[in-house]
Amino acid sequence: MNHRNLTVAVLTAVLSLPVALVGAEEKKKGGGFAAMDTDKDGKVSKKEYVAAQKDAAKAESRFAQLDTDKDGFLTQAEMAAGQKKKDK
Protein backbone atom coordinates (compact mmCIF):
# COMPACT_ATOMS: atom_id res chain seq x y z
CA MET A 1 0.00 0.00 0.00
CA ASN A 2 2.86 2.43 0.74
CA HIS A 3 4.30 1.84 -2.71
CA ARG A 4 0.97 2.80 -4.26
CA ASN A 5 0.72 5.98 -2.17
CA LEU A 6 4.24 6.94 -3.19
CA THR A 7 3.44 6.33 -6.85
CA VAL A 8 0.31 8.48 -6.62
CA ALA A 9 2.24 11.27 -4.88
CA VAL A 10 5.01 11.23 -7.51
CA LEU A 11 2.53 11.21 -10.39
CA THR A 12 0.59 14.08 -8.82
CA ALA A 13 3.77 16.13 -8.45
CA VAL A 14 4.91 15.41 -12.00
CA LEU A 15 1.51 16.17 -13.51
CA SER A 16 1.13 19.43 -11.59
CA LEU A 17 4.51 20.77 -12.75
CA PRO A 18 3.16 22.15 -16.07
CA VAL A 19 0.45 24.02 -14.16
CA ALA A 20 3.08 25.67 -11.96
CA LEU A 21 5.19 26.59 -14.99
CA VAL A 22 2.20 28.09 -16.80
CA GLY A 23 1.38 30.11 -13.67
CA ALA A 24 4.92 31.48 -13.54
CA GLU A 25 4.80 32.37 -17.22
CA GLU A 26 1.41 34.03 -16.78
CA LYS A 27 2.84 36.18 -14.01
CA LYS A 28 5.56 37.37 -16.39
CA LYS A 29 2.91 38.24 -18.98
CA GLY A 30 0.78 40.36 -16.66
CA GLY A 31 -0.80 37.80 -14.40
CA GLY A 32 0.90 39.65 -11.56
CA PHE A 33 -0.98 42.79 -12.51
CA ALA A 34 -4.26 40.91 -12.61
CA ALA A 35 -3.57 39.39 -9.21
CA MET A 36 -2.86 42.82 -7.70
CA ASP A 37 -6.01 44.30 -9.27
CA THR A 38 -8.25 42.80 -6.61
CA ASP A 39 -11.31 44.90 -7.45
CA LYS A 40 -10.88 44.11 -11.17
CA ASP A 41 -11.24 47.71 -12.33
CA GLY A 42 -8.31 47.47 -14.77
CA LYS A 43 -5.91 49.47 -12.63
CA VAL A 44 -3.97 48.91 -9.41
CA SER A 45 -4.49 51.34 -6.55
CA LYS A 46 -1.75 52.19 -4.09
CA LYS A 47 -3.56 50.11 -1.46
CA GLU A 48 -3.71 47.08 -3.78
CA TYR A 49 -0.05 47.47 -4.79
CA VAL A 50 1.24 47.80 -1.23
CA ALA A 51 -0.88 44.85 -0.05
CA ALA A 52 0.71 42.63 -2.72
CA GLN A 53 4.31 43.47 -1.70
CA LYS A 54 6.44 42.11 1.14
CA ASP A 55 7.95 45.44 2.24
CA ALA A 56 5.31 48.17 2.60
CA ALA A 57 7.82 51.05 2.84
CA LYS A 58 9.63 49.98 -0.33
CA ALA A 59 6.30 49.36 -2.03
CA GLU A 60 5.07 52.90 -1.32
CA SER A 61 8.29 54.35 -2.74
CA ARG A 62 8.15 52.09 -5.79
CA PHE A 63 4.48 52.94 -6.36
CA ALA A 64 5.37 56.64 -6.46
CA GLN A 65 8.01 55.91 -9.11
CA LEU A 66 5.69 53.77 -11.22
CA ASP A 67 2.70 56.13 -11.06
CA THR A 68 4.06 58.45 -13.73
CA ASP A 69 0.82 60.37 -14.26
CA LYS A 70 0.33 60.73 -10.48
CA ASP A 71 -3.34 59.74 -10.57
CA GLY A 72 -3.01 57.31 -7.67
CA PHE A 73 -3.37 54.21 -9.83
CA LEU A 74 -1.05 52.03 -11.89
CA THR A 75 -1.98 50.91 -15.38
CA GLN A 76 -0.47 47.91 -17.12
CA ALA A 77 1.49 50.35 -19.29
CA GLU A 78 2.98 52.08 -16.24
CA MET A 79 3.89 48.73 -14.72
CA ALA A 80 5.51 47.56 -17.97
CA ALA A 81 7.46 50.81 -18.37
CA GLY A 82 8.66 50.56 -14.78
CA GLN A 83 9.77 46.98 -15.32
CA LYS A 84 11.76 47.97 -18.42
CA LYS A 85 13.56 50.67 -16.41
CA LYS A 86 14.24 48.17 -13.61
CA ASP A 87 15.66 45.61 -16.05
CA LYS A 88 18.21 48.07 -17.47
PDB file of N, CA and C in Angstrom:
ATOM      1  N   MET A   1       0.814  -1.197   0.000  1.00  0.00           N
ATOM      2  CA  MET A   1       0.000   0.000   0.000  1.00  0.00           C
ATOM      3  C   MET A   1       0.860   1.264   0.000  1.00  0.00           C
ATOM      4  N   ASN A   2       1.983   1.270   0.713  1.00  0.00           N
ATOM      5  CA  ASN A   2       2.865   2.429   0.741  1.00  0.00           C
ATOM      6  C   ASN A   2       3.442   2.717  -0.628  1.00  0.00           C
ATOM      7  N   HIS A   3       3.749   1.659  -1.362  1.00  0.00           N
ATOM      8  CA  HIS A   3       4.301   1.837  -2.706  1.00  0.00           C
ATOM      9  C   HIS A   3       3.283   2.540  -3.602  1.00  0.00           C
ATOM     10  N   ARG A   4       2.021   2.179  -3.456  1.00  0.00           N
ATOM     11  CA  ARG A   4       0.968   2.798  -4.261  1.00  0.00           C
ATOM     12  C   ARG A   4       0.809   4.271  -3.892  1.00  0.00           C
ATOM     13  N   ASN A   5       0.831   4.585  -2.615  1.00  0.00           N
ATOM     14  CA  ASN A   5       0.718   5.982  -2.173  1.00  0.00           C
ATOM     15  C   ASN A   5       1.880   6.818  -2.698  1.00  0.00           C
ATOM     16  N   LEU A   6       3.063   6.241  -2.679  1.00  0.00           N
ATOM     17  CA  LEU A   6       4.241   6.941  -3.193  1.00  0.00           C
ATOM     18  C   LEU A   6       4.101   7.195  -4.685  1.00  0.00           C
ATOM     19  N   THR A   7       3.632   6.190  -5.406  1.00  0.00           N
ATOM     20  CA  THR A   7       3.440   6.335  -6.850  1.00  0.00           C
ATOM     21  C   THR A   7       2.423   7.430  -7.149  1.00  0.00           C
ATOM     22  N   VAL A   8       1.336   7.445  -6.426  1.00  0.00           N
ATOM     23  CA  VAL A   8       0.314   8.479  -6.619  1.00  0.00           C
ATOM     24  C   VAL A   8       0.892   9.860  -6.316  1.00  0.00           C
ATOM     25  N   ALA A   9       1.652   9.981  -5.247  1.00  0.00           N
ATOM     26  CA  ALA A   9       2.244  11.268  -4.881  1.00  0.00           C
ATOM     27  C   ALA A   9       3.219  11.750  -5.954  1.00  0.00           C
ATOM     28  N   VAL A  10       4.035  10.855  -6.463  1.00  0.00           N
ATOM     29  CA  VAL A  10       5.005  11.227  -7.506  1.00  0.00           C
ATOM     30  C   VAL A  10       4.276  11.636  -8.781  1.00  0.00           C
ATOM     31  N   LEU A  11       3.288  10.864  -9.186  1.00  0.00           N
ATOM     32  CA  LEU A  11       2.527  11.212 -10.389  1.00  0.00           C
ATOM     33  C   LEU A  11       1.811  12.553 -10.235  1.00  0.00           C
ATOM     34  N   THR A  12       1.259  12.799  -9.076  1.00  0.00           N
ATOM     35  CA  THR A  12       0.587  14.078  -8.825  1.00  0.00           C
ATOM     36  C   THR A  12       1.572  15.238  -8.951  1.00  0.00           C
ATOM     37  N   ALA A  13       2.743  15.082  -8.377  1.00  0.00           N
ATOM     38  CA  ALA A  13       3.766  16.133  -8.449  1.00  0.00           C
ATOM     39  C   ALA A  13       4.204  16.368  -9.888  1.00  0.00           C
ATOM     40  N   VAL A  14       4.445  15.296 -10.616  1.00  0.00           N
ATOM     41  CA  VAL A  14       4.905  15.415 -12.003  1.00  0.00           C
ATOM     42  C   VAL A  14       3.830  16.043 -12.878  1.00  0.00           C
ATOM     43  N   LEU A  15       2.591  15.632 -12.682  1.00  0.00           N
ATOM     44  CA  LEU A  15       1.509  16.166 -13.505  1.00  0.00           C
ATOM     45  C   LEU A  15       1.155  17.608 -13.163  1.00  0.00           C
ATOM     46  N   SER A  16       1.445  18.050 -11.956  1.00  0.00           N
ATOM     47  CA  SER A  16       1.133  19.431 -11.591  1.00  0.00           C
ATOM     48  C   SER A  16       2.243  20.399 -11.982  1.00  0.00           C
ATOM     49  N   LEU A  17       3.391  19.908 -12.357  1.00  0.00           N
ATOM     50  CA  LEU A  17       4.508  20.768 -12.745  1.00  0.00           C
ATOM     51  C   LEU A  17       4.152  21.701 -13.908  1.00  0.00           C
ATOM     52  N   PRO A  18       3.523  21.213 -14.991  1.00  0.00           N
ATOM     53  CA  PRO A  18       3.165  22.145 -16.069  1.00  0.00           C
ATOM     54  C   PRO A  18       2.246  23.264 -15.612  1.00  0.00           C
ATOM     55  N   VAL A  19       1.351  22.983 -14.683  1.00  0.00           N
ATOM     56  CA  VAL A  19       0.450  24.016 -14.164  1.00  0.00           C
ATOM     57  C   VAL A  19       1.255  25.101 -13.458  1.00  0.00           C
ATOM     58  N   ALA A  20       2.239  24.705 -12.663  1.00  0.00           N
ATOM     59  CA  ALA A  20       3.083  25.669 -11.964  1.00  0.00           C
ATOM     60  C   ALA A  20       3.892  26.500 -12.951  1.00  0.00           C
ATOM     61  N   LEU A  21       4.398  25.861 -13.993  1.00  0.00           N
ATOM     62  CA  LEU A  21       5.188  26.587 -14.992  1.00  0.00           C
ATOM     63  C   LEU A  21       4.336  27.568 -15.770  1.00  0.00           C
ATOM     64  N   VAL A  22       3.120  27.177 -16.100  1.00  0.00           N
ATOM     65  CA  VAL A  22       2.204  28.088 -16.797  1.00  0.00           C
ATOM     66  C   VAL A  22       1.874  29.265 -15.899  1.00  0.00           C
ATOM     67  N   GLY A  23       1.671  29.029 -14.610  1.00  0.00           N
ATOM     68  CA  GLY A  23       1.384  30.107 -13.673  1.00  0.00           C
ATOM     69  C   GLY A  23       2.525  31.102 -13.588  1.00  0.00           C
ATOM     70  N   ALA A  24       3.757  30.601 -13.579  1.00  0.00           N
ATOM     71  CA  ALA A  24       4.923  31.481 -13.536  1.00  0.00           C
ATOM     72  C   ALA A  24       5.025  32.292 -14.817  1.00  0.00           C
ATOM     73  N   GLU A  25       4.756  31.665 -15.938  1.00  0.00           N
ATOM     74  CA  GLU A  25       4.804  32.373 -17.224  1.00  0.00           C
ATOM     75  C   GLU A  25       3.701  33.415 -17.301  1.00  0.00           C
ATOM     76  N   GLU A  26       2.524  33.089 -16.794  1.00  0.00           N
ATOM     77  CA  GLU A  26       1.407  34.032 -16.782  1.00  0.00           C
ATOM     78  C   GLU A  26       1.755  35.262 -15.955  1.00  0.00           C
ATOM     79  N   LYS A  27       2.436  35.058 -14.840  1.00  0.00           N
ATOM     80  CA  LYS A  27       2.837  36.183 -14.008  1.00  0.00           C
ATOM     81  C   LYS A  27       3.761  37.112 -14.781  1.00  0.00           C
ATOM     82  N   LYS A  28       4.664  36.555 -15.568  1.00  0.00           N
ATOM     83  CA  LYS A  28       5.564  37.372 -16.388  1.00  0.00           C
ATOM     84  C   LYS A  28       4.783  38.164 -17.426  1.00  0.00           C
ATOM     85  N   LYS A  29       3.682  37.612 -17.916  1.00  0.00           N
ATOM     86  CA  LYS A  29       2.910  38.241 -18.984  1.00  0.00           C
ATOM     87  C   LYS A  29       1.847  39.208 -18.460  1.00  0.00           C
ATOM     88  N   GLY A  30       1.774  39.431 -17.199  1.00  0.00           N
ATOM     89  CA  GLY A  30       0.781  40.357 -16.663  1.00  0.00           C
ATOM     90  C   GLY A  30      -0.143  39.723 -15.656  1.00  0.00           C
ATOM     91  N   GLY A  31       0.009  38.456 -15.411  1.00  0.00           N
ATOM     92  CA  GLY A  31      -0.798  37.798 -14.397  1.00  0.00           C
ATOM     93  C   GLY A  31      -0.580  38.433 -13.040  1.00  0.00           C
ATOM     94  N   GLY A  32       0.617  38.958 -12.803  1.00  0.00           N
ATOM     95  CA  GLY A  32       0.897  39.649 -11.555  1.00  0.00           C
ATOM     96  C   GLY A  32       0.032  40.887 -11.419  1.00  0.00           C
ATOM     97  N   PHE A  33      -0.127  41.606 -12.507  1.00  0.00           N
ATOM     98  CA  PHE A  33      -0.979  42.786 -12.509  1.00  0.00           C
ATOM     99  C   PHE A  33      -2.411  42.385 -12.178  1.00  0.00           C
ATOM    100  N   ALA A  34      -2.891  41.359 -12.839  1.00  0.00           N
ATOM    101  CA  ALA A  34      -4.263  40.905 -12.612  1.00  0.00           C
ATOM    102  C   ALA A  34      -4.464  40.458 -11.165  1.00  0.00           C
ATOM    103  N   ALA A  35      -3.465  39.832 -10.597  1.00  0.00           N
ATOM    104  CA  ALA A  35      -3.568  39.386  -9.208  1.00  0.00           C
ATOM    105  C   ALA A  35      -3.603  40.573  -8.248  1.00  0.00           C
ATOM    106  N   MET A  36      -2.861  41.620  -8.555  1.00  0.00           N
ATOM    107  CA  MET A  36      -2.863  42.815  -7.699  1.00  0.00           C
ATOM    108  C   MET A  36      -4.167  43.601  -7.831  1.00  0.00           C
ATOM    109  N   ASP A  37      -4.778  43.551  -9.006  1.00  0.00           N
ATOM    110  CA  ASP A  37      -6.010  44.298  -9.266  1.00  0.00           C
ATOM    111  C   ASP A  37      -7.188  43.558  -8.646  1.00  0.00           C
ATOM    112  N   THR A  38      -7.267  43.605  -7.330  1.00  0.00           N
ATOM    113  CA  THR A  38      -8.247  42.796  -6.607  1.00  0.00           C
ATOM    114  C   THR A  38      -9.695  43.215  -6.854  1.00  0.00           C
ATOM    115  N   ASP A  39      -9.932  44.481  -7.170  1.00  0.00           N
ATOM    116  CA  ASP A  39     -11.309  44.901  -7.446  1.00  0.00           C
ATOM    117  C   ASP A  39     -11.648  44.827  -8.936  1.00  0.00           C
ATOM    118  N   LYS A  40     -10.693  44.367  -9.734  1.00  0.00           N
ATOM    119  CA  LYS A  40     -10.878  44.106 -11.173  1.00  0.00           C
ATOM    120  C   LYS A  40     -11.391  45.318 -11.945  1.00  0.00           C
ATOM    121  N   ASP A  41     -10.843  46.509 -11.613  1.00  0.00           N
ATOM    122  CA  ASP A  41     -11.237  47.711 -12.332  1.00  0.00           C
ATOM    123  C   ASP A  41     -10.253  48.081 -13.437  1.00  0.00           C
ATOM    124  N   GLY A  42      -9.256  47.227 -13.684  1.00  0.00           N
ATOM    125  CA  GLY A  42      -8.305  47.471 -14.770  1.00  0.00           C
ATOM    126  C   GLY A  42      -7.132  48.343 -14.385  1.00  0.00           C
ATOM    127  N   LYS A  43      -7.037  48.680 -13.122  1.00  0.00           N
ATOM    128  CA  LYS A  43      -5.911  49.468 -12.627  1.00  0.00           C
ATOM    129  C   LYS A  43      -5.611  49.031 -11.199  1.00  0.00           C
ATOM    130  N   VAL A  44      -4.401  49.319 -10.748  1.00  0.00           N
ATOM    131  CA  VAL A  44      -3.972  48.913  -9.411  1.00  0.00           C
ATOM    132  C   VAL A  44      -3.826  50.160  -8.548  1.00  0.00           C
ATOM    133  N   SER A  45      -4.584  50.212  -7.471  1.00  0.00           N
ATOM    134  CA  SER A  45      -4.488  51.339  -6.550  1.00  0.00           C
ATOM    135  C   SER A  45      -3.240  51.182  -5.679  1.00  0.00           C
ATOM    136  N   LYS A  46      -2.892  52.239  -5.004  1.00  0.00           N
ATOM    137  CA  LYS A  46      -1.749  52.186  -4.086  1.00  0.00           C
ATOM    138  C   LYS A  46      -1.996  51.130  -3.009  1.00  0.00           C
ATOM    139  N   LYS A  47      -3.204  51.080  -2.495  1.00  0.00           N
ATOM    140  CA  LYS A  47      -3.556  50.105  -1.460  1.00  0.00           C
ATOM    141  C   LYS A  47      -3.375  48.674  -1.981  1.00  0.00           C
ATOM    142  N   GLU A  48      -3.848  48.420  -3.195  1.00  0.00           N
ATOM    143  CA  GLU A  48      -3.708  47.083  -3.783  1.00  0.00           C
ATOM    144  C   GLU A  48      -2.232  46.739  -4.007  1.00  0.00           C
ATOM    145  N   TYR A  49      -1.474  47.704  -4.503  1.00  0.00           N
ATOM    146  CA  TYR A  49      -0.055  47.468  -4.791  1.00  0.00           C
ATOM    147  C   TYR A  49       0.713  47.165  -3.506  1.00  0.00           C
ATOM    148  N   VAL A  50       0.521  47.988  -2.494  1.00  0.00           N
ATOM    149  CA  VAL A  50       1.245  47.805  -1.229  1.00  0.00           C
ATOM    150  C   VAL A  50       0.860  46.472  -0.581  1.00  0.00           C
ATOM    151  N   ALA A  51      -0.425  46.114  -0.641  1.00  0.00           N
ATOM    152  CA  ALA A  51      -0.882  44.854  -0.045  1.00  0.00           C
ATOM    153  C   ALA A  51      -0.237  43.638  -0.707  1.00  0.00           C
ATOM    154  N   ALA A  52       0.138  43.758  -1.981  1.00  0.00           N
ATOM    155  CA  ALA A  52       0.714  42.633  -2.719  1.00  0.00           C
ATOM    156  C   ALA A  52       2.227  42.502  -2.529  1.00  0.00           C
ATOM    157  N   GLN A  53       2.853  43.469  -1.858  1.00  0.00           N
ATOM    158  CA  GLN A  53       4.307  43.470  -1.699  1.00  0.00           C
ATOM    159  C   GLN A  53       4.703  43.027  -0.290  1.00  0.00           C
ATOM    160  N   LYS A  54       5.933  42.572  -0.163  1.00  0.00           N
ATOM    161  CA  LYS A  54       6.442  42.111   1.136  1.00  0.00           C
ATOM    162  C   LYS A  54       6.838  43.275   2.042  1.00  0.00           C
ATOM    163  N   ASP A  55       7.438  44.302   1.471  1.00  0.00           N
ATOM    164  CA  ASP A  55       7.952  45.441   2.239  1.00  0.00           C
ATOM    165  C   ASP A  55       7.106  46.674   1.918  1.00  0.00           C
ATOM    166  N   ALA A  56       6.245  47.071   2.844  1.00  0.00           N
ATOM    167  CA  ALA A  56       5.313  48.175   2.601  1.00  0.00           C
ATOM    168  C   ALA A  56       6.024  49.493   2.326  1.00  0.00           C
ATOM    169  N   ALA A  57       7.111  49.777   3.044  1.00  0.00           N
ATOM    170  CA  ALA A  57       7.824  51.047   2.841  1.00  0.00           C
ATOM    171  C   ALA A  57       8.425  51.108   1.440  1.00  0.00           C
ATOM    172  N   LYS A  58       9.060  50.025   1.019  1.00  0.00           N
ATOM    173  CA  LYS A  58       9.629  49.980  -0.331  1.00  0.00           C
ATOM    174  C   LYS A  58       8.525  50.037  -1.381  1.00  0.00           C
ATOM    175  N   ALA A  59       7.411  49.389  -1.087  1.00  0.00           N
ATOM    176  CA  ALA A  59       6.298  49.362  -2.030  1.00  0.00           C
ATOM    177  C   ALA A  59       5.722  50.763  -2.238  1.00  0.00           C
ATOM    178  N   GLU A  60       5.606  51.529  -1.177  1.00  0.00           N
ATOM    179  CA  GLU A  60       5.075  52.897  -1.317  1.00  0.00           C
ATOM    180  C   GLU A  60       6.005  53.751  -2.163  1.00  0.00           C
ATOM    181  N   SER A  61       7.301  53.602  -1.950  1.00  0.00           N
ATOM    182  CA  SER A  61       8.286  54.347  -2.740  1.00  0.00           C
ATOM    183  C   SER A  61       8.247  53.921  -4.205  1.00  0.00           C
ATOM    184  N   ARG A  62       8.181  52.614  -4.425  1.00  0.00           N
ATOM    185  CA  ARG A  62       8.151  52.089  -5.792  1.00  0.00           C
ATOM    186  C   ARG A  62       6.861  52.508  -6.491  1.00  0.00           C
ATOM    187  N   PHE A  63       5.748  52.504  -5.781  1.00  0.00           N
ATOM    188  CA  PHE A  63       4.479  52.942  -6.363  1.00  0.00           C
ATOM    189  C   PHE A  63       4.595  54.374  -6.869  1.00  0.00           C
ATOM    190  N   ALA A  64       5.203  55.237  -6.069  1.00  0.00           N
ATOM    191  CA  ALA A  64       5.372  56.641  -6.456  1.00  0.00           C
ATOM    192  C   ALA A  64       6.199  56.766  -7.739  1.00  0.00           C
ATOM    193  N   GLN A  65       7.195  55.903  -7.894  1.00  0.00           N
ATOM    194  CA  GLN A  65       8.013  55.913  -9.110  1.00  0.00           C
ATOM    195  C   GLN A  65       7.220  55.411 -10.320  1.00  0.00           C
ATOM    196  N   LEU A  66       6.440  54.375 -10.113  1.00  0.00           N
ATOM    197  CA  LEU A  66       5.692  53.766 -11.217  1.00  0.00           C
ATOM    198  C   LEU A  66       4.510  54.611 -11.672  1.00  0.00           C
ATOM    199  N   ASP A  67       3.884  55.333 -10.750  1.00  0.00           N
ATOM    200  CA  ASP A  67       2.696  56.133 -11.056  1.00  0.00           C
ATOM    201  C   ASP A  67       3.109  57.424 -11.745  1.00  0.00           C
ATOM    202  N   THR A  68       3.477  57.304 -13.008  1.00  0.00           N
ATOM    203  CA  THR A  68       4.062  58.448 -13.727  1.00  0.00           C
ATOM    204  C   THR A  68       3.069  59.580 -13.967  1.00  0.00           C
ATOM    205  N   ASP A  69       1.779  59.282 -14.067  1.00  0.00           N
ATOM    206  CA  ASP A  69       0.816  60.366 -14.264  1.00  0.00           C
ATOM    207  C   ASP A  69       0.227  60.876 -12.942  1.00  0.00           C
ATOM    208  N   LYS A  70       0.690  60.296 -11.844  1.00  0.00           N
ATOM    209  CA  LYS A  70       0.329  60.732 -10.485  1.00  0.00           C
ATOM    210  C   LYS A  70      -1.178  60.787 -10.240  1.00  0.00           C
ATOM    211  N   ASP A  71      -1.898  59.792 -10.798  1.00  0.00           N
ATOM    212  CA  ASP A  71      -3.339  59.743 -10.572  1.00  0.00           C
ATOM    213  C   ASP A  71      -3.732  58.811  -9.432  1.00  0.00           C
ATOM    214  N   GLY A  72      -2.726  58.198  -8.788  1.00  0.00           N
ATOM    215  CA  GLY A  72      -3.009  57.310  -7.668  1.00  0.00           C
ATOM    216  C   GLY A  72      -3.299  55.875  -8.057  1.00  0.00           C
ATOM    217  N   PHE A  73      -3.139  55.568  -9.332  1.00  0.00           N
ATOM    218  CA  PHE A  73      -3.367  54.214  -9.835  1.00  0.00           C
ATOM    219  C   PHE A  73      -2.250  53.834 -10.799  1.00  0.00           C
ATOM    220  N   LEU A  74      -2.006  52.531 -10.916  1.00  0.00           N
ATOM    221  CA  LEU A  74      -1.053  52.029 -11.894  1.00  0.00           C
ATOM    222  C   LEU A  74      -1.812  51.314 -13.003  1.00  0.00           C
ATOM    223  N   THR A  75      -1.437  51.630 -14.230  1.00  0.00           N
ATOM    224  CA  THR A  75      -1.976  50.913 -15.382  1.00  0.00           C
ATOM    225  C   THR A  75      -0.979  49.820 -15.764  1.00  0.00           C
ATOM    226  N   GLN A  76      -1.402  48.931 -16.637  1.00  0.00           N
ATOM    227  CA  GLN A  76      -0.474  47.907 -17.115  1.00  0.00           C
ATOM    228  C   GLN A  76       0.691  48.558 -17.851  1.00  0.00           C
ATOM    229  N   ALA A  77       0.424  49.647 -18.566  1.00  0.00           N
ATOM    230  CA  ALA A  77       1.493  50.346 -19.290  1.00  0.00           C
ATOM    231  C   ALA A  77       2.516  50.933 -18.320  1.00  0.00           C
ATOM    232  N   GLU A  78       2.057  51.527 -17.235  1.00  0.00           N
ATOM    233  CA  GLU A  78       2.981  52.081 -16.241  1.00  0.00           C
ATOM    234  C   GLU A  78       3.806  50.971 -15.595  1.00  0.00           C
ATOM    235  N   MET A  79       3.169  49.854 -15.312  1.00  0.00           N
ATOM    236  CA  MET A  79       3.894  48.731 -14.716  1.00  0.00           C
ATOM    237  C   MET A  79       4.947  48.202 -15.689  1.00  0.00           C
ATOM    238  N   ALA A  80       4.578  48.066 -16.958  1.00  0.00           N
ATOM    239  CA  ALA A  80       5.510  47.560 -17.967  1.00  0.00           C
ATOM    240  C   ALA A  80       6.680  48.520 -18.159  1.00  0.00           C
ATOM    241  N   ALA A  81       6.387  49.816 -18.213  1.00  0.00           N
ATOM    242  CA  ALA A  81       7.456  50.812 -18.369  1.00  0.00           C
ATOM    243  C   ALA A  81       8.392  50.785 -17.171  1.00  0.00           C
ATOM    244  N   GLY A  82       7.843  50.638 -15.985  1.00  0.00           N
ATOM    245  CA  GLY A  82       8.658  50.557 -14.782  1.00  0.00           C
ATOM    246  C   GLY A  82       9.525  49.319 -14.764  1.00  0.00           C
ATOM    247  N   GLN A  83       9.001  48.223 -15.266  1.00  0.00           N
ATOM    248  CA  GLN A  83       9.768  46.977 -15.317  1.00  0.00           C
ATOM    249  C   GLN A  83      10.930  47.110 -16.302  1.00  0.00           C
ATOM    250  N   LYS A  84      10.691  47.766 -17.430  1.00  0.00           N
ATOM    251  CA  LYS A  84      11.761  47.966 -18.417  1.00  0.00           C
ATOM    252  C   LYS A  84      12.894  48.787 -17.815  1.00  0.00           C
ATOM    253  N   LYS A  85      12.541  49.841 -17.059  1.00  0.00           N
ATOM    254  CA  LYS A  85      13.562  50.668 -16.405  1.00  0.00           C
ATOM    255  C   LYS A  85      14.330  49.844 -15.376  1.00  0.00           C
ATOM    256  N   LYS A  86      13.614  48.987 -14.642  1.00  0.00           N
ATOM    257  CA  LYS A  86      14.235  48.166 -13.606  1.00  0.00           C
ATOM    258  C   LYS A  86      15.188  47.142 -14.226  1.00  0.00           C
ATOM    259  N   ASP A  87      14.841  46.611 -15.403  1.00  0.00           N
ATOM    260  CA  ASP A  87      15.660  45.605 -16.053  1.00  0.00           C
ATOM    261  C   ASP A  87      16.944  46.161 -16.661  1.00  0.00           C
ATOM    262  N   LYS A  88      17.011  47.469 -16.856  1.00  0.00           N
ATOM    263  CA  LYS A  88      18.209  48.068 -17.467  1.00  0.00           C
ATOM    264  C   LYS A  88      19.361  48.126 -16.502  1.00  0.00           C
TER     265      LYS A  88
END
